[in-house]
Amino acid sequence: MPMLRRYEHRRAQIVLLPCLLLLLLCTQPASPLKYTIVSSRNLHSPDFQSPKTSSSSSSPSSFTRTFVPSHKTPPNYGQYVAYNQVQNLCTSLRNTLSTLYILSAFDRQGSNVALTATLTFLSRDGAGMISTLLFARYTPPFSLQTDVKRWRYLADITCNVALICEFLSSYIYDLPPAIFTATLCATNAMKACCGMMAGASAGPIDFYWAGRDVKNLPDLSSKSAAQGTFSNGLGLILGAILSKAAAKKSKGNGLAYFGYFLLTVFHLLSNARMLRAVAFNFVNYERLVVLVKEWKRGVILSPSEVAKVEPLLFRIFGWGGGGRKLGGVLINEDDNDDSDWEGGLCKTKEGTVLLEDATTNSNENAQLCKAHFVAMHEGTQVEALADWAGFSKAAVEKGWDFDLSTLPDEGVRFVVKIEE
């Protein structure tokens, strides 16, 4: 018993060590340095005043230098960081509980526990590698670009499904070991896909918080890593307490199951609120649907207002009734005379909108946005084009940039050659 107590005491010291280091880093007082601000541009100016000396009171604190980017970030960055760390903490705690239940399942194996666990983890890692390659091979790159938020939320849902399956693995192990191994392989494959989806969506989101300035990305990335380290360090302490309480009843612990369910709910809600804080000022299909729908009611929403209502889940069937889709085949170019191709667009009798490359002199993304607007419009092409002028002007005044839009073209481009 004394040896066991010394072991538990030493393990607690190991867990608390990184958190104490983080605490010391955040509370370290700033050095009393003084600096002089001199503008070499105005040294010989008659209006030049004496240099101003700033004391350490105006310098940023150690906490700010560690966790807060030095550049000016868009609004709601604090909300984004707060909910991001909450969801990160929920994931860390559930990972700890899932690992505990997986190891407890191996503990009931009896003989050859080490060999069985080693082979199982090797199979699980291999399944994750294969799923990573398959995801990179078959995922459409344009969808990752245009549906950043929905891919990010799908990554969180996939992670939740994988963690729940791992959490219930203590019951699955009562079945044949092959089923248990296959379950762990499937969960790790889902985690690998989650990492791919989250990593692909992190680039546009970080670029948004960097103020669309590449020079700010390194500092933003380092601060994001520091924030994640802090939440993971907090997760070490809480995870150790949680796992010790759950280990008393490794199976049939109703309190652990209820806590795991609450953490899953908090994780999903935090991710939704986190993504709502990201207000992209360019449109994809779903954001354009929301814009046009509210425009028909006489209201033009700003990017932050659209971010609060745009869907975060993929629609299972079709585009969700946002209007007529682009596409179609122009079988006979004589069916449409020159007057029909106004602004490089032609709305056919079937309701499809064709985009003519030969007349598109403006930005390609803006032309596609215009074509989708005409397709969603319930009137004629002349009415749609007339309404587009007022709609686009009001949207730009609200902060939208149609030149940056990411909309699907769906094969609507046609180069029309008319022979005389």
Protein backbone atom coordinates (compact mmCIF):
# COMPACT_ATOMS: atom_id res chain seq x y z
CA MET A 1 0.00 0.00 0.00
CA PRO A 2 2.75 2.58 0.75
CA MET A 3 4.29 1.90 -2.67
CA LEU A 4 0.91 2.33 -4.34
CA ARG A 5 0.36 5.64 -2.57
CA ARG A 6 3.80 6.88 -3.62
CA TYR A 7 2.99 5.86 -7.22
CA GLU A 8 -0.31 7.73 -7.22
CA HIS A 9 1.37 10.78 -5.68
CA ARG A 10 4.09 10.74 -8.34
CA ARG A 11 1.49 10.35 -11.12
CA ALA A 12 -0.41 13.35 -9.80
CA GLN A 13 2.80 15.38 -9.87
CA ILE A 14 3.40 14.44 -13.51
CA VAL A 15 -0.14 15.49 -14.46
CA LEU A 16 0.03 18.82 -12.62
CA LEU A 17 3.50 19.79 -13.90
CA PRO A 18 2.49 21.10 -17.37
CA CYS A 19 -0.45 23.00 -15.92
CA LEU A 20 1.79 24.70 -13.34
CA LEU A 21 4.16 25.72 -16.13
CA LEU A 22 1.25 27.27 -18.03
CA LEU A 23 0.16 29.12 -14.89
CA LEU A 24 3.66 30.51 -14.33
CA LEU A 25 3.85 31.60 -17.95
CA CYS A 26 0.56 33.49 -17.75
CA THR A 27 1.35 35.20 -14.41
CA GLN A 28 4.95 36.14 -15.16
CA PRO A 29 5.32 39.90 -14.66
CA ALA A 30 6.43 41.95 -17.59
CA SER A 31 9.99 43.24 -17.46
CA PRO A 32 10.24 46.96 -16.67
CA LEU A 33 11.69 47.93 -20.04
CA LYS A 34 11.46 51.41 -21.47
CA TYR A 35 11.52 52.24 -25.13
CA THR A 36 11.62 55.39 -27.19
CA ILE A 37 9.34 56.01 -30.14
CA VAL A 38 11.13 57.96 -32.83
CA SER A 39 9.76 58.57 -36.29
CA SER A 40 12.72 58.95 -38.62
CA ARG A 41 10.33 60.33 -41.21
CA ASN A 42 9.72 63.48 -39.15
CA LEU A 43 13.16 64.09 -37.63
CA HIS A 44 13.82 67.20 -39.79
CA SER A 45 10.26 68.46 -39.75
CA PRO A 46 9.62 71.81 -38.03
CA ASP A 47 6.66 70.19 -36.27
CA PHE A 48 8.89 67.48 -34.78
CA GLN A 49 8.38 67.11 -31.02
CA SER A 50 10.57 65.50 -28.43
CA PRO A 51 10.49 61.71 -28.25
CA LYS A 52 7.92 60.11 -25.95
CA THR A 53 9.09 57.56 -23.46
CA SER A 54 6.67 54.77 -22.65
CA SER A 55 6.90 52.77 -19.45
CA SER A 56 6.11 49.14 -18.94
CA SER A 57 2.50 49.99 -18.05
CA SER A 58 1.67 50.43 -21.74
CA SER A 59 3.30 47.16 -22.84
CA PRO A 60 1.10 44.09 -23.29
CA SER A 61 0.92 41.61 -20.45
CA SER A 62 2.48 38.18 -20.57
CA PHE A 63 -0.98 36.63 -20.96
CA THR A 64 -1.72 38.83 -23.98
CA ARG A 65 1.61 38.06 -25.64
CA THR A 66 0.97 34.34 -25.18
CA PHE A 67 -2.66 33.95 -26.22
CA VAL A 68 -3.84 37.06 -28.10
CA PRO A 69 -2.81 37.85 -31.72
CA SER A 70 -0.92 41.10 -32.17
CA HIS A 71 -2.97 42.24 -35.18
CA LYS A 72 -6.51 43.55 -35.21
CA THR A 73 -8.96 40.67 -35.62
CA PRO A 74 -12.51 40.78 -37.02
CA PRO A 75 -15.43 41.08 -34.57
CA ASN A 76 -16.48 38.09 -32.45
CA TYR A 77 -12.96 36.66 -32.26
CA GLY A 78 -13.29 36.38 -28.48
CA GLN A 79 -16.52 34.41 -28.87
CA TYR A 80 -14.85 32.12 -31.39
CA VAL A 81 -11.87 31.42 -29.11
CA ALA A 82 -14.04 30.82 -26.04
CA TYR A 83 -16.33 28.29 -27.70
CA ASN A 84 -13.40 26.69 -29.51
CA GLN A 85 -11.65 26.00 -26.20
CA VAL A 86 -14.87 24.68 -24.65
CA GLN A 87 -15.34 22.16 -27.45
CA ASN A 88 -11.65 21.27 -27.29
CA LEU A 89 -11.94 20.62 -23.56
CA CYS A 90 -15.04 18.45 -24.08
CA THR A 91 -13.17 16.38 -26.67
CA SER A 92 -10.16 15.98 -24.37
CA LEU A 93 -12.28 14.74 -21.47
CA ARG A 94 -14.20 12.28 -23.63
CA ASN A 95 -10.95 11.00 -25.13
CA THR A 96 -9.72 10.24 -21.62
CA LEU A 97 -12.88 8.35 -20.71
CA SER A 98 -12.89 6.45 -24.00
CA THR A 99 -9.28 5.37 -23.48
CA LEU A 100 -10.15 4.20 -19.97
CA TYR A 101 -13.01 2.04 -21.21
CA ILE A 102 -10.95 0.60 -24.07
CA LEU A 103 -8.17 -0.42 -21.69
CA SER A 104 -10.67 -1.85 -19.24
CA ALA A 105 -11.99 -4.03 -22.06
CA PHE A 106 -8.48 -5.36 -22.66
CA ASP A 107 -8.09 -5.98 -18.94
CA ARG A 108 -10.89 -8.56 -19.07
CA GLN A 109 -9.10 -10.46 -21.82
CA GLY A 110 -7.06 -12.52 -19.37
CA SER A 111 -3.92 -13.92 -21.00
CA ASN A 112 -1.83 -12.26 -23.72
CA VAL A 113 -3.24 -8.84 -22.91
CA ALA A 114 -0.14 -6.99 -24.12
CA LEU A 115 0.01 -8.84 -27.44
CA THR A 116 -3.71 -8.46 -28.09
CA ALA A 117 -3.64 -4.74 -27.31
CA THR A 118 -0.56 -4.18 -29.50
CA LEU A 119 -2.08 -5.93 -32.52
CA THR A 120 -5.39 -4.14 -32.03
CA PHE A 121 -3.78 -0.71 -31.89
CA LEU A 122 -1.64 -1.49 -34.93
CA SER A 123 -4.77 -2.46 -36.87
CA ARG A 124 -6.52 0.66 -35.66
CA ASP A 125 -3.66 2.92 -36.78
CA GLY A 126 -3.55 1.22 -40.17
CA ALA A 127 -7.28 1.79 -40.66
CA GLY A 128 -6.78 5.48 -39.91
CA MET A 129 -3.99 5.77 -42.48
CA ILE A 130 -6.05 4.07 -45.18
CA SER A 131 -9.09 6.27 -44.50
CA THR A 132 -6.89 9.37 -44.72
CA LEU A 133 -5.71 8.39 -48.20
CA LEU A 134 -9.21 7.49 -49.35
CA PHE A 135 -10.63 10.77 -48.07
CA ALA A 136 -7.95 12.77 -49.89
CA ARG A 137 -8.60 10.78 -53.07
CA TYR A 138 -12.39 10.91 -53.31
CA THR A 139 -13.39 14.15 -51.60
CA PRO A 140 -14.25 16.89 -54.14
CA PRO A 141 -11.85 19.80 -53.54
CA PHE A 142 -14.37 22.43 -54.63
CA SER A 143 -16.82 21.30 -51.95
CA LEU A 144 -14.13 21.71 -49.28
CA GLN A 145 -13.56 25.24 -50.55
CA THR A 146 -17.16 26.40 -50.77
CA ASP A 147 -18.69 24.62 -47.74
CA VAL A 148 -16.07 25.36 -45.08
CA LYS A 149 -18.45 25.60 -42.14
CA ARG A 150 -20.49 22.54 -43.03
CA TRP A 151 -17.37 20.40 -43.46
CA ARG A 152 -16.10 21.66 -40.09
CA TYR A 153 -19.36 20.76 -38.37
CA LEU A 154 -19.46 17.38 -40.13
CA ALA A 155 -15.99 16.74 -38.72
CA ASP A 156 -17.30 17.35 -35.21
CA ILE A 157 -20.26 15.02 -35.73
CA THR A 158 -17.95 12.31 -37.08
CA CYS A 159 -15.67 12.73 -34.06
CA ASN A 160 -18.64 12.39 -31.70
CA VAL A 161 -19.81 9.17 -33.34
CA ALA A 162 -16.30 7.71 -33.08
CA LEU A 163 -15.91 8.66 -29.42
CA ILE A 164 -19.31 7.22 -28.49
CA CYS A 165 -18.41 3.90 -30.13
CA GLU A 166 -15.14 3.83 -28.21
CA PHE A 167 -16.92 4.68 -24.99
CA LEU A 168 -19.26 1.72 -25.43
CA SER A 169 -16.41 -0.63 -26.32
CA SER A 170 -16.53 -2.30 -22.90
CA TYR A 171 -19.85 -3.84 -23.91
CA ILE A 172 -18.71 -4.62 -27.45
CA TYR A 173 -15.80 -6.64 -26.10
CA ASP A 174 -18.24 -9.21 -24.72
CA LEU A 175 -18.71 -10.16 -28.38
CA PRO A 176 -15.97 -11.93 -30.38
CA PRO A 177 -12.60 -10.07 -30.31
CA ALA A 178 -12.69 -9.62 -34.09
CA ILE A 179 -15.79 -7.42 -33.77
CA PHE A 180 -14.11 -5.36 -31.06
CA THR A 181 -11.03 -4.85 -33.25
CA ALA A 182 -13.17 -3.97 -36.26
CA THR A 183 -15.06 -1.42 -34.16
CA LEU A 184 -11.86 0.28 -33.03
CA CYS A 185 -10.60 0.32 -36.63
CA ALA A 186 -13.84 1.97 -37.75
CA THR A 187 -13.70 4.58 -35.00
CA ASN A 188 -10.10 5.48 -35.80
CA ALA A 189 -10.98 5.73 -39.49
CA MET A 190 -13.71 8.21 -38.57
CA LYS A 191 -11.26 10.16 -36.42
CA ALA A 192 -8.83 10.32 -39.33
CA CYS A 193 -11.56 11.68 -41.60
CA CYS A 194 -12.46 14.16 -38.87
CA GLY A 195 -8.87 15.39 -38.82
CA MET A 196 -8.84 15.76 -42.60
CA MET A 197 -12.11 17.73 -42.64
CA ALA A 198 -11.11 19.95 -39.72
CA GLY A 199 -7.68 20.58 -41.21
CA ALA A 200 -9.09 21.48 -44.62
CA SER A 201 -11.56 23.94 -43.11
CA ALA A 202 -9.03 25.47 -40.72
CA GLY A 203 -7.20 27.29 -43.52
CA PRO A 204 -10.07 29.55 -44.69
CA ILE A 205 -11.18 30.17 -41.10
CA ASP A 206 -7.68 31.18 -39.99
CA PHE A 207 -7.35 33.37 -43.07
CA TYR A 208 -10.59 35.11 -42.07
CA TRP A 209 -9.36 35.79 -38.52
CA ALA A 210 -6.04 37.00 -39.93
CA GLY A 211 -7.93 39.82 -41.64
CA ARG A 212 -7.24 38.27 -45.06
CA ASP A 213 -3.59 39.18 -44.63
CA VAL A 214 -1.09 36.37 -45.11
CA LYS A 215 1.45 38.18 -42.92
CA ASN A 216 -0.81 37.71 -39.89
CA LEU A 217 -1.21 33.96 -40.32
CA PRO A 218 1.99 32.84 -38.51
CA ASP A 219 1.19 34.86 -35.39
CA LEU A 220 -2.45 33.74 -35.44
CA SER A 221 -1.46 30.08 -35.78
CA SER A 222 1.00 30.28 -32.90
CA LYS A 223 -1.59 31.91 -30.65
CA SER A 224 -4.19 29.29 -31.62
CA ALA A 225 -1.71 26.55 -30.71
CA ALA A 226 -1.07 28.21 -27.34
CA GLN A 227 -4.81 28.42 -26.67
CA GLY A 228 -5.21 24.74 -27.51
CA THR A 229 -2.31 23.85 -25.21
CA PHE A 230 -3.97 25.67 -22.33
CA SER A 231 -7.30 23.86 -22.78
CA ASN A 232 -5.52 20.52 -23.18
CA GLY A 233 -3.54 21.19 -20.00
CA LEU A 234 -6.78 21.88 -18.16
CA GLY A 235 -8.14 18.69 -19.68
CA LEU A 236 -5.23 16.74 -18.14
CA ILE A 237 -6.26 17.74 -14.62
CA LEU A 238 -9.99 17.23 -15.09
CA GLY A 239 -9.40 14.03 -17.07
CA ALA A 240 -7.31 12.54 -14.27
CA ILE A 241 -10.05 13.31 -11.74
CA LEU A 242 -12.76 12.04 -14.06
CA SER A 243 -11.00 8.80 -14.95
CA LYS A 244 -10.27 8.02 -11.31
CA ALA A 245 -13.95 8.45 -10.45
CA ALA A 246 -15.12 6.43 -13.45
CA ALA A 247 -12.63 3.60 -12.81
CA LYS A 248 -14.46 2.66 -9.63
CA LYS A 249 -17.29 1.37 -11.81
CA SER A 250 -15.82 0.66 -15.21
CA LYS A 251 -19.09 -0.88 -16.36
CA GLY A 252 -22.61 0.18 -15.58
CA ASN A 253 -21.62 3.58 -14.21
CA GLY A 254 -24.74 5.61 -14.95
CA LEU A 255 -23.15 8.87 -13.78
CA ALA A 256 -20.27 8.45 -16.23
CA TYR A 257 -22.69 7.79 -19.08
CA PHE A 258 -24.75 10.85 -18.21
CA GLY A 259 -21.63 13.02 -17.97
CA TYR A 260 -20.41 11.70 -21.31
CA PHE A 261 -23.76 12.56 -22.88
CA LEU A 262 -23.61 16.11 -21.48
CA LEU A 263 -20.08 16.58 -22.79
CA THR A 264 -21.25 15.47 -26.24
CA VAL A 265 -24.14 17.95 -26.20
CA PHE A 266 -21.86 20.77 -25.03
CA HIS A 267 -19.39 19.86 -27.76
CA LEU A 268 -21.98 20.15 -30.53
CA LEU A 269 -23.49 23.35 -29.16
CA SER A 270 -20.08 24.96 -28.68
CA ASN A 271 -19.05 24.10 -32.22
CA ALA A 272 -22.24 25.60 -33.61
CA ARG A 273 -21.74 28.83 -31.66
CA MET A 274 -18.08 28.87 -32.67
CA LEU A 275 -18.93 28.65 -36.38
CA ARG A 276 -21.67 31.28 -36.02
CA ALA A 277 -18.96 33.74 -35.01
CA VAL A 278 -17.26 33.36 -38.41
CA ALA A 279 -18.94 35.88 -40.73
CA PHE A 280 -17.57 35.30 -44.23
CA ASN A 281 -18.24 38.27 -46.51
CA PHE A 282 -18.37 36.10 -49.65
CA VAL A 283 -21.30 33.95 -50.68
CA ASN A 284 -21.57 30.25 -51.31
CA TYR A 285 -24.79 28.65 -52.48
CA GLU A 286 -26.41 28.43 -49.04
CA ARG A 287 -25.55 31.98 -48.08
CA LEU A 288 -26.85 33.25 -51.42
CA VAL A 289 -30.11 31.35 -50.85
CA VAL A 290 -30.51 33.09 -47.48
CA LEU A 291 -29.68 36.47 -49.01
CA VAL A 292 -32.15 36.11 -51.89
CA LYS A 293 -34.87 34.74 -49.61
CA GLU A 294 -34.63 37.73 -47.27
CA TRP A 295 -34.27 40.13 -50.22
CA LYS A 296 -37.67 38.97 -51.47
CA ARG A 297 -39.02 40.10 -48.10
CA GLY A 298 -37.41 43.51 -48.56
CA VAL A 299 -34.38 42.96 -46.29
CA ILE A 300 -30.68 42.71 -47.14
CA LEU A 301 -28.74 40.88 -44.43
CA SER A 302 -25.15 41.63 -43.49
CA PRO A 303 -22.49 38.87 -43.34
CA SER A 304 -22.77 38.63 -39.54
CA GLU A 305 -26.57 38.30 -39.77
CA VAL A 306 -26.35 35.56 -42.39
CA ALA A 307 -23.76 33.72 -40.27
CA LYS A 308 -26.37 33.36 -37.51
CA VAL A 309 -28.92 31.58 -39.72
CA GLU A 310 -27.02 29.79 -42.49
CA PRO A 311 -27.28 25.98 -42.33
CA LEU A 312 -24.38 24.06 -40.80
CA LEU A 313 -25.52 20.63 -41.96
CA PHE A 314 -25.37 19.19 -45.44
CA ARG A 315 -28.73 18.62 -47.10
CA ILE A 316 -29.37 15.00 -47.93
CA PHE A 317 -31.52 15.57 -50.99
CA GLY A 318 -30.49 18.16 -53.56
CA TRP A 319 -29.72 21.77 -52.90
CA GLY A 320 -32.71 22.30 -50.67
CA GLY A 321 -35.07 24.11 -53.01
CA GLY A 322 -33.10 27.32 -53.32
CA GLY A 323 -34.42 27.92 -56.82
CA ARG A 324 -33.83 26.59 -60.30
CA LYS A 325 -30.43 25.03 -60.69
CA LEU A 326 -27.95 26.08 -63.30
CA GLY A 327 -27.22 23.71 -66.13
CA GLY A 328 -28.79 22.37 -69.26
CA VAL A 329 -27.62 21.76 -72.78
CA LEU A 330 -27.84 24.28 -75.59
CA ILE A 331 -28.64 21.90 -78.43
CA ASN A 332 -29.29 24.46 -81.15
CA GLU A 333 -27.76 27.88 -80.81
CA ASP A 334 -30.35 29.24 -83.24
CA ASP A 335 -33.01 28.66 -80.56
CA ASN A 336 -31.66 31.71 -78.77
CA ASP A 337 -31.02 34.86 -80.73
CA ASP A 338 -28.52 37.54 -79.82
CA SER A 339 -31.03 39.55 -77.83
CA ASP A 340 -31.47 36.70 -75.35
CA TRP A 341 -27.82 36.83 -74.28
CA GLU A 342 -28.04 39.92 -72.12
CA GLY A 343 -25.07 40.35 -69.84
CA GLY A 344 -23.66 37.01 -70.97
CA LEU A 345 -26.68 35.14 -69.57
CA CYS A 346 -29.53 33.33 -71.25
CA LYS A 347 -32.57 32.03 -69.40
CA THR A 348 -34.18 29.25 -71.45
CA LYS A 349 -37.80 28.18 -71.58
CA GLU A 350 -37.00 25.27 -69.26
CA GLY A 351 -35.81 27.72 -66.61
CA THR A 352 -32.11 26.92 -66.86
CA VAL A 353 -29.56 29.71 -67.03
CA LEU A 354 -26.62 29.50 -69.40
CA LEU A 355 -23.45 31.53 -69.01
CA GLU A 356 -21.64 32.58 -72.16
CA ASP A 357 -17.87 32.75 -71.78
CA ALA A 358 -17.44 34.98 -74.80
CA THR A 359 -19.16 37.94 -73.16
CA THR A 360 -17.95 37.62 -69.57
CA ASN A 361 -15.65 40.60 -69.14
CA SER A 362 -16.11 41.03 -65.39
CA ASN A 363 -15.00 38.83 -62.52
CA GLU A 364 -15.80 35.15 -63.05
CA ASN A 365 -17.12 34.65 -59.51
CA ALA A 366 -19.40 37.67 -59.81
CA GLN A 367 -20.75 36.33 -63.11
CA LEU A 368 -21.58 32.99 -61.50
CA CYS A 369 -23.25 34.78 -58.60
CA LYS A 370 -25.31 36.76 -61.09
CA ALA A 371 -26.27 33.57 -62.94
CA HIS A 372 -27.42 31.89 -59.72
CA PHE A 373 -29.46 34.96 -58.81
CA VAL A 374 -31.20 34.86 -62.20
CA ALA A 375 -31.85 31.14 -61.71
CA MET A 376 -33.45 31.77 -58.30
CA HIS A 377 -35.53 34.66 -59.62
CA GLU A 378 -39.14 33.76 -60.30
CA GLY A 379 -39.63 36.31 -63.07
CA THR A 380 -38.30 36.65 -66.58
CA GLN A 381 -34.68 37.19 -67.48
CA VAL A 382 -35.21 40.91 -68.07
CA GLU A 383 -36.84 41.31 -64.65
CA ALA A 384 -34.12 39.24 -62.98
CA LEU A 385 -31.30 41.27 -64.51
CA ALA A 386 -33.01 44.51 -63.53
CA ASP A 387 -33.40 43.32 -59.94
CA TRP A 388 -29.80 42.10 -59.84
CA ALA A 389 -28.48 45.65 -60.18
CA GLY A 390 -30.34 46.84 -57.09
CA PHE A 391 -29.72 43.62 -55.16
CA SER A 392 -25.97 43.59 -55.77
CA LYS A 393 -25.57 47.28 -54.95
CA ALA A 394 -27.42 46.93 -51.64
CA ALA A 395 -25.49 43.76 -50.77
CA VAL A 396 -22.12 45.41 -51.43
CA GLU A 397 -23.13 48.29 -49.16
CA LYS A 398 -23.82 45.70 -46.44
CA GLY A 399 -20.28 44.36 -46.76
CA TRP A 400 -20.60 41.51 -49.28
CA ASP A 401 -17.93 40.90 -51.91
CA PHE A 402 -19.28 38.93 -54.88
CA ASP A 403 -15.86 38.80 -56.52
CA LEU A 404 -14.80 36.33 -53.80
CA SER A 405 -17.88 34.12 -54.05
CA THR A 406 -17.49 30.34 -54.20
CA LEU A 407 -20.42 29.05 -56.24
CA PRO A 408 -20.73 25.88 -58.32
CA ASP A 409 -20.83 26.38 -62.08
CA GLU A 410 -22.53 23.00 -62.72
CA GLY A 411 -21.47 22.96 -66.36
CA VAL A 412 -23.29 26.11 -67.42
CA ARG A 413 -20.49 27.59 -69.52
CA PHE A 414 -20.99 27.72 -73.26
CA VAL A 415 -18.93 29.43 -75.91
CA VAL A 416 -21.47 30.41 -78.54
CA LYS A 417 -20.15 30.86 -82.07
CA ILE A 418 -22.54 32.53 -84.48
CA GLU A 419 -21.52 32.26 -88.10
CA GLU A 420 -22.55 35.04 -90.45
